[in-house]
Amino acid sequence: MASVHGKPEEGAECLATYEDLDETNYVEYQTMPSGKWHAAKFNEDVTQTFLRENWANYLRDVAKAAADCAAAVRRIVTKGPPMWLEDKHGYPVPEGDTHISAVWYMSSGTETSAKIEGCLEGEEREIFWNGQKETLAQMEVVE
């Protein structure tokens, strides 16, 4: 079954760059399990940056929070290591859906995975996450 994509709304602009969203930079994202497509509130460049840099940003944020306090670590670690494109403002996920699985770029007409580069999966992700939770537990005991 072929996907049906839309086009940018008149006057829509990127939440990050404030550039107009048009046929050269418009993005849609697919949420699961519904499989529905939604207009992103970020442009193509911002979306590609999120996909490329979110894993490194997560690791940096955990390290920075660890130097701060257990509450800061808890906010980050509770959700677990990221796997999918995510931003509650730019890519809101409707109630009933769990994550974003794909993105569509109007400029090229291509759909690609919304899995972030470098993310851990399966058992490797669980082992990593369990280690983070253990570190958090130790920090909470000290506090």
N, C-alpha and C. Protein backbone atom coordinates (compact mmCIF):
# COMPACT_ATOMS: atom_id res chain seq x y z
N MET A 1 0.85 -1.18 0.00
CA MET A 1 0.00 0.00 0.00
C MET A 1 0.89 1.24 0.00
N ALA A 2 0.73 2.10 -0.95
CA ALA A 2 1.56 3.30 -1.07
C ALA A 2 1.15 4.34 -0.04
N SER A 3 2.15 5.05 0.48
CA SER A 3 1.91 6.13 1.43
C SER A 3 1.43 7.36 0.68
N VAL A 4 0.58 8.11 1.31
CA VAL A 4 0.14 9.37 0.73
C VAL A 4 0.70 10.48 1.61
N HIS A 5 1.48 11.34 1.00
CA HIS A 5 2.10 12.44 1.74
C HIS A 5 1.43 13.75 1.38
N GLY A 6 1.55 14.69 2.29
CA GLY A 6 0.95 16.00 2.08
C GLY A 6 1.95 17.01 1.58
N LYS A 7 1.63 18.25 1.82
CA LYS A 7 2.53 19.34 1.46
C LYS A 7 2.50 20.35 2.60
N PRO A 8 3.50 21.23 2.65
CA PRO A 8 3.56 22.19 3.76
C PRO A 8 2.37 23.14 3.74
N GLU A 9 1.89 23.46 4.93
CA GLU A 9 0.81 24.44 5.04
C GLU A 9 1.34 25.82 4.70
N GLU A 10 0.51 26.64 4.14
CA GLU A 10 0.87 28.02 3.83
C GLU A 10 1.32 28.72 5.11
N GLY A 11 2.49 29.35 5.07
CA GLY A 11 3.00 30.11 6.21
C GLY A 11 3.71 29.27 7.27
N ALA A 12 3.80 27.95 7.07
CA ALA A 12 4.48 27.10 8.06
C ALA A 12 5.97 27.42 8.07
N GLU A 13 6.55 27.42 9.26
CA GLU A 13 7.99 27.65 9.37
C GLU A 13 8.61 26.70 10.38
N CYS A 14 9.89 26.45 10.20
CA CYS A 14 10.66 25.56 11.07
C CYS A 14 10.76 26.15 12.47
N LEU A 15 10.50 25.34 13.48
CA LEU A 15 10.59 25.80 14.87
C LEU A 15 12.01 26.16 15.28
N ALA A 16 12.99 25.60 14.63
CA ALA A 16 14.39 25.84 15.01
C ALA A 16 15.02 26.99 14.23
N THR A 17 14.79 27.04 12.93
CA THR A 17 15.47 28.03 12.08
C THR A 17 14.58 29.19 11.65
N TYR A 18 13.28 29.02 11.82
CA TYR A 18 12.27 30.00 11.40
C TYR A 18 12.22 30.19 9.89
N GLU A 19 12.84 29.29 9.15
CA GLU A 19 12.73 29.32 7.70
C GLU A 19 11.36 28.81 7.29
N ASP A 20 10.87 29.32 6.17
CA ASP A 20 9.61 28.81 5.64
C ASP A 20 9.78 27.34 5.29
N LEU A 21 8.75 26.54 5.57
CA LEU A 21 8.74 25.14 5.14
C LEU A 21 8.10 25.11 3.76
N ASP A 22 8.87 24.56 2.80
CA ASP A 22 8.38 24.47 1.42
C ASP A 22 8.82 23.15 0.81
N GLU A 23 8.65 23.01 -0.48
CA GLU A 23 8.95 21.73 -1.14
C GLU A 23 10.44 21.37 -1.09
N THR A 24 11.31 22.32 -0.75
CA THR A 24 12.75 22.04 -0.69
C THR A 24 13.20 21.52 0.67
N ASN A 25 12.36 21.66 1.72
CA ASN A 25 12.82 21.29 3.06
C ASN A 25 11.73 20.67 3.95
N TYR A 26 10.56 20.42 3.40
CA TYR A 26 9.43 19.88 4.16
C TYR A 26 9.66 18.40 4.49
N VAL A 27 9.29 18.03 5.73
CA VAL A 27 9.48 16.66 6.22
C VAL A 27 8.19 16.18 6.87
N GLU A 28 7.90 14.89 6.68
CA GLU A 28 6.84 14.23 7.42
C GLU A 28 7.46 13.07 8.18
N TYR A 29 6.79 12.66 9.26
CA TYR A 29 7.27 11.54 10.06
C TYR A 29 6.12 10.58 10.31
N GLN A 30 6.46 9.30 10.37
CA GLN A 30 5.47 8.24 10.54
C GLN A 30 5.55 7.71 11.97
N THR A 31 4.38 7.66 12.63
CA THR A 31 4.34 7.14 13.99
C THR A 31 3.75 5.73 14.00
N MET A 32 4.18 4.98 14.99
CA MET A 32 3.75 3.59 15.12
C MET A 32 3.11 3.37 16.47
N PRO A 33 2.15 2.48 16.57
CA PRO A 33 1.77 1.47 15.59
C PRO A 33 0.72 1.91 14.57
N SER A 34 0.25 3.16 14.62
CA SER A 34 -0.82 3.58 13.70
C SER A 34 -0.37 3.62 12.24
N GLY A 35 0.91 3.91 12.01
CA GLY A 35 1.41 4.03 10.64
C GLY A 35 1.03 5.35 9.97
N LYS A 36 0.49 6.30 10.72
CA LYS A 36 0.07 7.58 10.15
C LYS A 36 1.25 8.51 9.96
N TRP A 37 1.15 9.35 8.92
CA TRP A 37 2.17 10.34 8.62
C TRP A 37 1.71 11.69 9.15
N HIS A 38 2.67 12.49 9.65
CA HIS A 38 2.40 13.80 10.24
C HIS A 38 3.42 14.81 9.72
N ALA A 39 2.99 16.06 9.61
CA ALA A 39 3.90 17.13 9.20
C ALA A 39 4.86 17.46 10.34
N ALA A 40 6.15 17.42 10.06
CA ALA A 40 7.14 17.81 11.06
C ALA A 40 7.15 19.33 11.19
N LYS A 41 7.52 19.79 12.36
CA LYS A 41 7.63 21.21 12.60
C LYS A 41 9.07 21.69 12.50
N PHE A 42 9.95 20.78 12.06
CA PHE A 42 11.34 21.10 11.77
C PHE A 42 11.60 20.82 10.30
N ASN A 43 12.58 21.51 9.72
CA ASN A 43 12.91 21.30 8.32
C ASN A 43 13.83 20.09 8.12
N GLU A 44 14.18 19.84 6.88
CA GLU A 44 15.00 18.67 6.54
C GLU A 44 16.38 18.72 7.19
N ASP A 45 17.05 19.87 7.17
CA ASP A 45 18.38 19.96 7.77
C ASP A 45 18.34 19.68 9.28
N VAL A 46 17.37 20.23 9.97
CA VAL A 46 17.26 20.02 11.41
C VAL A 46 16.96 18.54 11.69
N THR A 47 16.07 17.95 10.90
CA THR A 47 15.72 16.54 11.08
C THR A 47 16.96 15.65 10.89
N GLN A 48 17.72 15.91 9.85
CA GLN A 48 18.92 15.12 9.60
C GLN A 48 19.96 15.31 10.72
N THR A 49 20.04 16.51 11.27
CA THR A 49 20.95 16.75 12.39
C THR A 49 20.51 15.96 13.62
N PHE A 50 19.21 15.96 13.91
CA PHE A 50 18.70 15.16 15.03
C PHE A 50 19.07 13.69 14.84
N LEU A 51 18.84 13.15 13.67
CA LEU A 51 19.11 11.74 13.42
C LEU A 51 20.60 11.42 13.56
N ARG A 52 21.44 12.36 13.17
CA ARG A 52 22.89 12.14 13.19
C ARG A 52 23.48 12.37 14.58
N GLU A 53 22.95 13.30 15.37
CA GLU A 53 23.62 13.73 16.59
C GLU A 53 22.93 13.37 17.91
N ASN A 54 21.71 12.86 17.88
CA ASN A 54 20.99 12.63 19.14
C ASN A 54 21.65 11.62 20.06
N TRP A 55 22.29 10.60 19.53
CA TRP A 55 22.96 9.62 20.41
C TRP A 55 24.11 10.28 21.16
N ALA A 56 24.95 10.99 20.45
CA ALA A 56 26.08 11.68 21.09
C ALA A 56 25.57 12.73 22.09
N ASN A 57 24.50 13.41 21.75
CA ASN A 57 23.92 14.40 22.66
C ASN A 57 23.41 13.72 23.93
N TYR A 58 22.79 12.56 23.79
CA TYR A 58 22.30 11.82 24.96
C TYR A 58 23.47 11.46 25.88
N LEU A 59 24.53 10.91 25.33
CA LEU A 59 25.70 10.53 26.13
C LEU A 59 26.31 11.75 26.83
N ARG A 60 26.40 12.86 26.11
CA ARG A 60 26.92 14.10 26.69
C ARG A 60 26.03 14.59 27.83
N ASP A 61 24.71 14.54 27.63
CA ASP A 61 23.78 15.01 28.65
C ASP A 61 23.82 14.15 29.91
N VAL A 62 23.98 12.83 29.74
CA VAL A 62 24.08 11.95 30.90
C VAL A 62 25.36 12.27 31.68
N ALA A 63 26.47 12.43 30.98
CA ALA A 63 27.73 12.73 31.65
C ALA A 63 27.66 14.07 32.37
N LYS A 64 27.06 15.06 31.74
CA LYS A 64 26.92 16.38 32.35
C LYS A 64 26.02 16.30 33.58
N ALA A 65 24.92 15.56 33.47
CA ALA A 65 23.99 15.42 34.59
C ALA A 65 24.64 14.68 35.75
N ALA A 66 25.47 13.70 35.45
CA ALA A 66 26.13 12.92 36.51
C ALA A 66 27.02 13.80 37.37
N ALA A 67 27.55 14.85 36.80
CA ALA A 67 28.37 15.77 37.57
C ALA A 67 27.50 16.71 38.41
N ASP A 68 26.23 16.73 38.11
CA ASP A 68 25.29 17.65 38.75
C ASP A 68 24.62 16.99 39.95
N CYS A 69 23.64 16.12 39.70
CA CYS A 69 22.92 15.48 40.80
C CYS A 69 22.09 14.30 40.29
N ALA A 70 21.64 13.48 41.23
CA ALA A 70 20.86 12.29 40.88
C ALA A 70 19.56 12.67 40.18
N ALA A 71 18.93 13.77 40.57
CA ALA A 71 17.66 14.17 39.96
C ALA A 71 17.85 14.45 38.47
N ALA A 72 18.95 15.09 38.12
CA ALA A 72 19.23 15.37 36.70
C ALA A 72 19.45 14.08 35.93
N VAL A 73 20.20 13.15 36.53
CA VAL A 73 20.43 11.85 35.89
C VAL A 73 19.11 11.09 35.74
N ARG A 74 18.29 11.12 36.78
CA ARG A 74 17.01 10.41 36.77
C ARG A 74 16.13 10.86 35.60
N ARG A 75 16.08 12.17 35.36
CA ARG A 75 15.26 12.69 34.25
C ARG A 75 15.69 12.12 32.92
N ILE A 76 16.98 11.92 32.75
CA ILE A 76 17.50 11.42 31.47
C ILE A 76 17.43 9.90 31.39
N VAL A 77 17.84 9.22 32.45
CA VAL A 77 17.97 7.76 32.44
C VAL A 77 16.60 7.05 32.47
N THR A 78 15.61 7.66 33.10
CA THR A 78 14.30 7.02 33.23
C THR A 78 13.71 6.63 31.87
N LYS A 79 13.88 7.48 30.88
CA LYS A 79 13.34 7.19 29.54
C LYS A 79 14.14 6.11 28.81
N GLY A 80 15.37 5.94 29.18
CA GLY A 80 16.23 4.96 28.51
C GLY A 80 16.97 5.57 27.35
N PRO A 81 17.98 4.86 26.88
CA PRO A 81 18.76 5.35 25.74
C PRO A 81 17.87 5.51 24.50
N PRO A 82 17.99 6.62 23.81
CA PRO A 82 17.13 6.86 22.65
C PRO A 82 17.45 5.92 21.48
N MET A 83 16.41 5.59 20.74
CA MET A 83 16.57 4.78 19.53
C MET A 83 15.97 5.48 18.31
N TRP A 84 14.93 6.27 18.53
CA TRP A 84 14.16 6.85 17.43
C TRP A 84 14.18 8.37 17.49
N LEU A 85 14.03 8.98 16.35
CA LEU A 85 13.87 10.43 16.26
C LEU A 85 12.79 10.85 17.25
N GLU A 86 13.07 11.91 18.00
CA GLU A 86 12.12 12.32 19.03
C GLU A 86 12.32 13.78 19.39
N ASP A 87 11.25 14.52 19.44
CA ASP A 87 11.22 15.87 19.98
C ASP A 87 9.75 16.21 20.17
N LYS A 88 9.34 16.45 21.40
CA LYS A 88 7.91 16.62 21.68
C LYS A 88 7.32 17.85 21.01
N HIS A 89 8.15 18.81 20.63
CA HIS A 89 7.64 20.00 19.98
C HIS A 89 7.64 19.88 18.46
N GLY A 90 8.72 19.36 17.92
CA GLY A 90 8.87 19.29 16.47
C GLY A 90 8.27 18.06 15.82
N TYR A 91 8.17 16.98 16.60
CA TYR A 91 7.63 15.71 16.09
C TYR A 91 6.71 15.11 17.16
N PRO A 92 5.61 15.78 17.50
CA PRO A 92 4.74 15.22 18.55
C PRO A 92 4.16 13.86 18.14
N VAL A 93 4.18 12.92 19.07
CA VAL A 93 3.65 11.58 18.81
C VAL A 93 2.23 11.53 19.40
N PRO A 94 1.23 11.23 18.56
CA PRO A 94 -0.14 11.21 19.05
C PRO A 94 -0.37 10.13 20.11
N GLU A 95 -1.35 10.37 20.96
CA GLU A 95 -1.73 9.38 21.96
C GLU A 95 -2.07 8.07 21.27
N GLY A 96 -1.58 6.99 21.83
CA GLY A 96 -1.82 5.67 21.25
C GLY A 96 -0.64 5.18 20.42
N ASP A 97 0.18 6.11 19.93
CA ASP A 97 1.39 5.73 19.21
C ASP A 97 2.56 5.76 20.19
N THR A 98 3.62 5.04 19.86
CA THR A 98 4.74 4.91 20.78
C THR A 98 6.02 5.57 20.30
N HIS A 99 6.22 5.65 18.99
CA HIS A 99 7.48 6.20 18.48
C HIS A 99 7.36 6.55 17.02
N ILE A 100 8.39 7.21 16.52
CA ILE A 100 8.49 7.57 15.10
C ILE A 100 9.35 6.52 14.42
N SER A 101 8.86 5.96 13.34
CA SER A 101 9.60 4.89 12.67
C SER A 101 10.26 5.31 11.37
N ALA A 102 9.75 6.36 10.74
CA ALA A 102 10.28 6.75 9.43
C ALA A 102 10.09 8.25 9.22
N VAL A 103 10.91 8.80 8.33
CA VAL A 103 10.73 10.19 7.90
C VAL A 103 10.67 10.21 6.39
N TRP A 104 9.98 11.22 5.86
CA TRP A 104 9.85 11.41 4.42
C TRP A 104 10.30 12.82 4.10
N TYR A 105 11.20 12.92 3.12
CA TYR A 105 11.71 14.21 2.68
C TYR A 105 11.07 14.57 1.34
N MET A 106 10.31 15.65 1.33
CA MET A 106 9.64 16.08 0.11
C MET A 106 10.64 16.41 -0.99
N SER A 107 11.80 16.98 -0.62
CA SER A 107 12.77 17.43 -1.63
C SER A 107 13.23 16.29 -2.54
N SER A 108 13.36 15.08 -1.97
CA SER A 108 13.83 13.95 -2.76
C SER A 108 12.76 12.88 -2.95
N GLY A 109 11.66 13.00 -2.20
CA GLY A 109 10.59 12.00 -2.28
C GLY A 109 10.98 10.68 -1.62
N THR A 110 11.98 10.70 -0.74
CA THR A 110 12.46 9.46 -0.13
C THR A 110 11.99 9.30 1.31
N GLU A 111 11.74 8.05 1.67
CA GLU A 111 11.44 7.69 3.05
C GLU A 111 12.68 6.99 3.61
N THR A 112 13.03 7.33 4.85
CA THR A 112 14.16 6.68 5.51
C THR A 112 13.77 6.34 6.94
N SER A 113 14.55 5.49 7.55
CA SER A 113 14.32 5.10 8.92
C SER A 113 14.50 6.29 9.85
N ALA A 114 13.72 6.33 10.93
CA ALA A 114 13.84 7.38 11.94
C ALA A 114 14.71 6.91 13.11
N LYS A 115 15.41 5.80 12.93
CA LYS A 115 16.32 5.31 13.97
C LYS A 115 17.54 6.22 13.99
N ILE A 116 17.94 6.68 15.19
CA ILE A 116 19.06 7.60 15.27
C ILE A 116 20.39 6.86 15.09
N GLU A 117 21.31 7.55 14.46
CA GLU A 117 22.62 6.95 14.17
C GLU A 117 23.37 6.64 15.45
N GLY A 118 23.93 5.43 15.53
CA GLY A 118 24.76 5.03 16.66
C GLY A 118 24.01 4.47 17.85
N CYS A 119 22.68 4.44 17.77
CA CYS A 119 21.91 3.95 18.92
C CYS A 119 22.17 2.46 19.16
N LEU A 120 21.98 2.07 20.41
CA LEU A 120 22.11 0.67 20.78
C LEU A 120 20.74 0.00 20.68
N GLU A 121 20.75 -1.31 20.38
CA GLU A 121 19.50 -2.04 20.25
C GLU A 121 19.58 -3.36 21.01
N GLY A 122 18.40 -3.91 21.29
CA GLY A 122 18.30 -5.23 21.87
C GLY A 122 19.06 -5.37 23.18
N GLU A 123 19.76 -6.50 23.32
CA GLU A 123 20.46 -6.82 24.57
C GLU A 123 21.55 -5.79 24.88
N GLU A 124 22.23 -5.32 23.86
CA GLU A 124 23.28 -4.32 24.06
C GLU A 124 22.70 -3.05 24.70
N ARG A 125 21.53 -2.63 24.24
CA ARG A 125 20.85 -1.46 24.81
C ARG A 125 20.44 -1.72 26.26
N GLU A 126 19.89 -2.91 26.52
CA GLU A 126 19.45 -3.25 27.87
C GLU A 126 20.61 -3.28 28.85
N ILE A 127 21.74 -3.85 28.45
CA ILE A 127 22.93 -3.90 29.32
C ILE A 127 23.40 -2.48 29.63
N PHE A 128 23.47 -1.65 28.60
CA PHE A 128 23.89 -0.26 28.78
C PHE A 128 22.94 0.47 29.72
N TRP A 129 21.64 0.33 29.49
CA TRP A 129 20.62 1.00 30.29
C TRP A 129 20.66 0.51 31.75
N ASN A 130 20.82 -0.80 31.95
CA ASN A 130 20.92 -1.33 33.31
C ASN A 130 22.12 -0.74 34.05
N GLY A 131 23.22 -0.57 33.34
CA GLY A 131 24.39 0.06 33.95
C GLY A 131 24.10 1.50 34.36
N GLN A 132 23.37 2.22 33.52
CA GLN A 132 23.00 3.59 33.87
C GLN A 132 22.08 3.62 35.09
N LYS A 133 21.14 2.68 35.15
CA LYS A 133 20.22 2.61 36.29
C LYS A 133 20.97 2.28 37.58
N GLU A 134 21.98 1.42 37.49
CA GLU A 134 22.79 1.09 38.67
C GLU A 134 23.56 2.32 39.15
N THR A 135 24.11 3.07 38.22
CA THR A 135 24.81 4.29 38.57
C THR A 135 23.86 5.28 39.25
N LEU A 136 22.67 5.41 38.71
CA LEU A 136 21.67 6.29 39.31
C LEU A 136 21.33 5.84 40.72
N ALA A 137 21.13 4.54 40.92
CA ALA A 137 20.80 4.01 42.26
C ALA A 137 21.91 4.35 43.25
N GLN A 138 23.17 4.23 42.82
CA GLN A 138 24.28 4.55 43.70
C GLN A 138 24.32 6.05 44.03
N MET A 139 23.99 6.88 43.06
CA MET A 139 23.96 8.32 43.29
C MET A 139 22.85 8.67 44.29
N GLU A 140 21.71 8.00 44.19
CA GLU A 140 20.58 8.29 45.07
C GLU A 140 20.89 7.87 46.51
N VAL A 141 21.66 6.80 46.69
CA VAL A 141 22.04 6.37 48.03
C VAL A 141 22.93 7.42 48.68
N VAL A 142 23.83 7.99 47.90
CA VAL A 142 24.77 9.01 48.41
C VAL A 142 24.04 10.30 48.76
N GLU A 143 23.03 10.66 47.99
CA GLU A 143 22.29 11.91 48.22
C GLU A 143 21.50 11.78 49.45
